[in-house]
Protein backbone atom coordinates (compact mmCIF):
# COMPACT_ATOMS: atom_id res chain seq x y z
CA MET A 1 0.00 0.00 0.00
CA LEU A 2 2.84 2.42 0.76
CA ARG A 3 4.36 1.81 -2.67
CA ILE A 4 1.04 2.71 -4.28
CA ALA A 5 0.52 5.68 -1.98
CA GLU A 6 4.01 7.00 -2.68
CA HIS A 7 3.46 6.81 -6.44
CA LEU A 8 0.12 8.61 -6.19
CA ALA A 9 1.59 11.23 -3.83
CA ILE A 10 4.36 12.00 -6.30
CA LYS A 11 1.80 12.25 -9.09
CA GLU A 12 -0.17 14.75 -7.00
CA LYS A 13 3.04 16.65 -6.17
CA ALA A 14 2.81 15.89 -2.44
CA GLY A 15 5.94 16.33 -0.38
CA ALA A 16 5.30 13.46 2.05
CA LEU A 17 2.89 10.73 3.10
CA VAL A 18 0.97 11.10 6.35
CA THR A 19 -0.54 8.01 7.96
CA GLY A 20 -2.80 7.43 10.95
CA GLU A 21 -0.73 4.68 12.53
CA SER A 22 -0.46 4.61 16.30
CA LEU A 23 2.25 2.50 17.89
CA GLY A 24 0.79 -0.66 19.42
CA GLN A 25 -2.86 0.21 18.79
CA VAL A 26 -3.25 -2.94 16.71
CA SER A 27 -0.97 -5.95 16.54
CA SER A 28 0.44 -4.97 13.15
CA GLN A 29 1.54 -1.54 14.39
CA THR A 30 4.60 -2.61 16.35
CA LEU A 31 7.90 -0.79 16.06
CA GLU A 32 9.35 -3.71 14.07
CA ASN A 33 6.44 -3.86 11.62
CA LEU A 34 6.30 -0.10 11.08
CA SER A 35 10.02 -0.10 10.41
CA THR A 36 9.74 -2.98 7.92
CA ILE A 37 6.87 -1.48 5.92
CA GLY A 38 8.46 1.96 5.95
CA GLN A 39 11.53 0.61 4.15
CA VAL A 40 9.62 0.51 0.85
CA MET A 41 9.45 4.31 0.75
CA LYS A 42 12.08 5.43 -1.75
CA HIS A 43 11.32 9.07 -2.56
CA LEU A 44 9.13 10.65 0.12
CA PRO A 45 9.25 10.83 3.91
CA ILE A 46 6.45 9.25 5.89
CA PHE A 47 4.95 11.16 8.81
CA ARG A 48 3.01 9.45 11.59
CA PRO A 49 1.64 12.29 13.73
CA LEU A 50 -0.54 9.94 15.80
CA ILE A 51 2.26 7.49 16.61
CA GLY A 52 2.11 8.03 20.37
CA SER A 53 -1.58 8.85 20.72
CA ASP A 54 -4.08 6.59 22.41
CA LYS A 55 -7.33 5.59 20.73
CA GLN A 56 -9.54 8.04 22.66
CA ALA A 57 -7.25 10.98 21.81
CA ILE A 58 -7.37 9.98 18.14
CA ILE A 59 -11.18 9.79 18.23
CA ARG A 60 -11.38 13.23 19.86
CA GLU A 61 -9.10 14.70 17.20
CA ALA A 62 -11.07 13.04 14.37
CA ARG A 63 -14.29 14.52 15.73
CA ALA A 64 -12.68 17.97 15.97
CA LEU A 65 -11.45 17.71 12.36
CA GLY A 66 -14.78 16.42 11.12
CA SER A 67 -13.35 13.13 9.83
CA TYR A 68 -14.73 10.80 12.50
CA GLU A 69 -18.05 10.03 10.79
CA ILE A 70 -16.38 8.91 7.57
CA SER A 71 -13.82 6.86 9.51
CA ILE A 72 -16.47 4.63 11.07
CA ILE A 73 -18.31 3.76 7.85
CA PRO A 74 -18.16 -0.05 7.54
CA ASP A 75 -16.14 -1.18 4.55
CA GLN A 76 -14.69 -4.44 3.38
CA ASP A 77 -11.19 -3.21 2.75
CA CYS A 78 -7.98 -5.17 2.62
CA CYS A 79 -7.46 -4.70 6.35
CA SER A 80 -10.57 -6.67 7.25
CA LEU A 81 -10.47 -9.17 4.38
CA PHE A 82 -6.90 -10.37 4.68
CA VAL A 83 -6.05 -10.02 8.34
CA PRO A 84 -4.68 -13.30 9.68
CA LYS A 85 -6.05 -14.90 12.85
CA HIS A 86 -2.68 -14.49 14.55
CA PRO A 87 -0.78 -11.60 12.93
CA ARG A 88 2.99 -11.42 13.31
CA THR A 89 4.07 -8.61 15.57
CA ARG A 90 7.77 -8.77 14.66
CA SER A 91 8.35 -8.80 10.93
CA HIS A 92 11.75 -9.24 9.39
CA PRO A 93 12.57 -7.43 6.13
CA ARG A 94 14.27 -10.50 4.61
CA GLU A 95 11.17 -12.65 5.22
CA ILE A 96 8.95 -10.03 3.65
CA GLU A 97 11.26 -9.74 0.64
CA LEU A 98 11.09 -13.53 0.18
CA ILE A 99 7.29 -13.52 0.34
CA GLU A 100 7.09 -10.55 -2.05
CA SER A 101 9.45 -12.22 -4.52
CA LYS A 102 6.71 -14.80 -5.17
CA LEU A 103 4.25 -12.09 -6.21
CA ASP A 104 3.98 -10.04 -9.38
CA LEU A 105 4.16 -6.81 -7.38
CA ASN A 106 4.88 -4.53 -10.31
CA SER A 107 1.74 -5.67 -12.10
CA MET A 108 -0.34 -5.43 -8.92
CA ILE A 109 0.93 -1.92 -8.17
CA THR A 110 0.38 -0.77 -11.76
CA GLN A 111 -3.17 -2.13 -11.74
CA ALA A 112 -3.95 -0.40 -8.43
CA ILE A 113 -2.54 2.91 -9.67
CA GLU A 114 -4.48 2.70 -12.93
CA ASN A 115 -7.71 2.04 -11.01
CA ALA A 116 -7.17 4.63 -8.30
CA GLU A 117 -9.84 7.25 -7.75
CA THR A 118 -9.06 10.68 -6.33
CA TYR A 119 -11.32 12.38 -3.82
CA ASP A 120 -11.07 15.86 -2.37
CA SER A 121 -10.63 15.03 1.30
CA ARG A 122 -10.32 18.54 2.70
CA TRP A 123 -12.51 18.75 5.78
CA PRO A 124 -13.66 21.95 7.34
CA VAL A 125 -10.99 22.35 10.02
CA LYS A 126 -12.36 24.06 13.11
């Protein structure tokens, strides 16, 4: 996802990617996993302004920004469809590279980019 996001961000002339990850909030958001997935970023920095925030603080901020209502809309995205029963909390870059080598990532990324839709996500900031 970060590879796709980075490509789209460059296309839109963005200077960085900003994510909503919060350290330890879910099992995939461990220091090791965030470090591993961040290694795919080649051209842009990735900012994680919520990294040390707890869930209630994030919810309060989302409500203040006006983004909370859209964030709770049920959706069958990749996070809910492909989450394993027992996710790994300590990924290793070499393992991930081996797994990825068995996939046609370039084709998958190209297809995702070609089918991407852009939405104006500017909320009325209070």
